[in-house]
Protein backbone atom coordinates (compact mmCIF):
# COMPACT_ATOMS: atom_id res chain seq x y z
CA MET A 1 -35.22 95.84 142.53
CA LYS A 2 -34.08 97.37 145.80
CA LEU A 3 -32.16 94.77 147.82
CA GLY A 4 -31.35 95.16 151.49
CA ILE A 5 -28.72 92.88 152.99
CA ILE A 6 -28.18 92.54 156.73
CA LEU A 7 -24.99 90.75 157.75
CA GLU A 8 -24.64 89.52 161.33
CA THR A 9 -21.60 87.25 161.12
CA LYS A 10 -17.88 87.64 160.71
CA GLU A 11 -17.57 84.07 159.44
CA ALA A 12 -15.36 84.58 156.41
CA GLU A 13 -17.11 82.45 153.81
CA LYS A 14 -20.63 83.64 154.73
CA ALA A 15 -19.60 87.29 154.73
CA TRP A 16 -17.74 86.83 151.43
CA ASN A 17 -20.81 85.24 149.86
CA ALA A 18 -23.06 88.04 151.13
CA PHE A 19 -20.85 90.59 149.38
CA ARG A 20 -20.71 88.42 146.24
CA LEU A 21 -24.52 88.49 146.15
CA ALA A 22 -24.51 92.25 146.62
CA LEU A 23 -22.01 92.72 143.80
CA THR A 24 -24.01 90.44 141.50
CA ALA A 25 -27.14 92.49 142.21
CA LEU A 26 -25.29 95.74 141.45
CA GLU A 27 -24.05 94.25 138.18
CA GLY A 28 -27.70 93.50 137.34
CA ASP A 29 -28.56 97.20 137.80
CA HIS A 30 -30.29 96.68 141.13
CA GLU A 31 -29.90 99.06 144.06
CA VAL A 32 -28.25 97.51 147.12
CA ARG A 33 -27.92 98.71 150.68
CA PHE A 34 -25.88 96.67 153.16
CA PHE A 35 -26.09 96.88 156.97
CA LEU A 36 -23.42 95.35 159.23
CA MET A 37 -24.70 94.36 162.65
CA GLY A 38 -23.22 92.52 165.64
CA GLU A 39 -19.93 90.81 164.95
CA ALA A 40 -20.23 91.64 161.24
CA VAL A 41 -18.87 95.12 162.00
CA GLU A 42 -15.48 93.37 162.23
CA CYS A 43 -15.61 92.30 158.55
CA GLU A 44 -13.28 95.03 157.34
CA SER A 45 -10.35 93.07 158.69
CA ILE A 46 -11.27 89.65 157.26
CA ASN A 47 -8.88 88.29 154.66
CA GLN A 48 -8.65 84.52 154.82
CA GLY A 49 -7.07 83.54 151.53
CA LYS A 50 -9.79 83.19 148.93
CA PHE A 51 -12.31 84.73 151.35
CA ASP A 52 -11.02 88.30 151.15
CA VAL A 53 -14.06 90.02 152.62
CA ALA A 54 -12.30 93.37 152.95
CA ALA A 55 -11.65 93.43 149.20
CA LYS A 56 -15.28 92.53 148.41
CA MET A 57 -16.48 95.29 150.75
CA GLN A 58 -14.29 97.82 148.99
CA GLN A 59 -15.44 96.61 145.56
CA PHE A 60 -19.08 96.88 146.72
CA GLN A 61 -18.61 100.51 147.74
CA GLU A 62 -16.66 101.36 144.59
CA ASN A 63 -19.49 99.91 142.48
CA GLY A 64 -22.06 102.20 144.10
CA GLY A 65 -23.41 100.05 146.92
CA GLU A 66 -24.35 101.69 150.18
CA LEU A 67 -22.69 100.21 153.27
CA LEU A 68 -23.73 101.04 156.83
CA ALA A 69 -22.47 99.73 160.17
CA CYS A 70 -24.24 99.64 163.53
CA GLY A 71 -22.69 102.30 165.73
CA THR A 72 -23.59 100.53 168.96
CA CYS A 73 -21.97 97.32 167.71
CA LEU A 74 -18.83 99.23 166.66
CA LYS A 75 -18.60 101.04 170.00
CA SER A 76 -19.05 97.84 172.01
CA ARG A 77 -16.02 96.44 170.16
CA GLN A 78 -14.10 99.74 170.41
CA LYS A 79 -13.96 99.91 166.60
CA ASP A 80 -15.91 103.13 166.06
CA ASP A 81 -12.68 104.98 165.20
CA PHE A 82 -11.40 102.19 162.92
CA THR A 83 -14.08 101.86 160.26
CA SER A 84 -14.57 103.26 156.78
CA CYS A 85 -18.32 102.55 157.00
CA PRO A 86 -20.73 105.28 158.02
CA ILE A 87 -21.69 104.74 161.65
CA SER A 88 -25.42 104.09 161.69
CA THR A 89 -28.32 103.37 164.02
CA MET A 90 -31.24 100.97 164.32
CA GLN A 91 -33.31 103.73 162.71
CA ASP A 92 -31.03 103.47 159.65
CA CYS A 93 -31.50 99.68 159.63
CA LEU A 94 -35.27 100.15 159.83
CA GLN A 95 -35.16 102.63 156.94
CA LEU A 96 -33.21 100.08 154.88
CA ILE A 97 -35.93 97.49 155.54
CA ILE A 98 -38.71 99.94 154.63
CA TRP A 99 -36.84 101.03 151.47
CA ALA A 100 -36.08 97.52 150.20
CA ASP A 101 -38.27 95.34 148.01
CA LYS A 102 -36.48 92.31 149.48
CA VAL A 103 -34.29 91.88 152.56
CA VAL A 104 -31.80 89.04 152.99
CA THR A 105 -30.00 88.28 156.23
CA PHE A 106 -26.75 86.34 156.49
């Protein structure tokens, strides 16, 4: 299955769970693409004890997941120079939705 995940929150536990789902899908030999939108583009800096989102993001990328971040959302937060994610567009988000068999939004 091709799974698209759109994350729109920087709430630690929700973001952590979204990446846990993505990692579980990768472990099951599914393809996963992840799009960060809105405040979720700030997830790279989230580490709240057991909700270490930054570590899950890194693990997701190391395991072959594709991670994209909304360029407009990054720029509006002046974070476009402080991200390891490819800066993407709404066109990229649309392509993720078209590509995916299922899309989940957190």
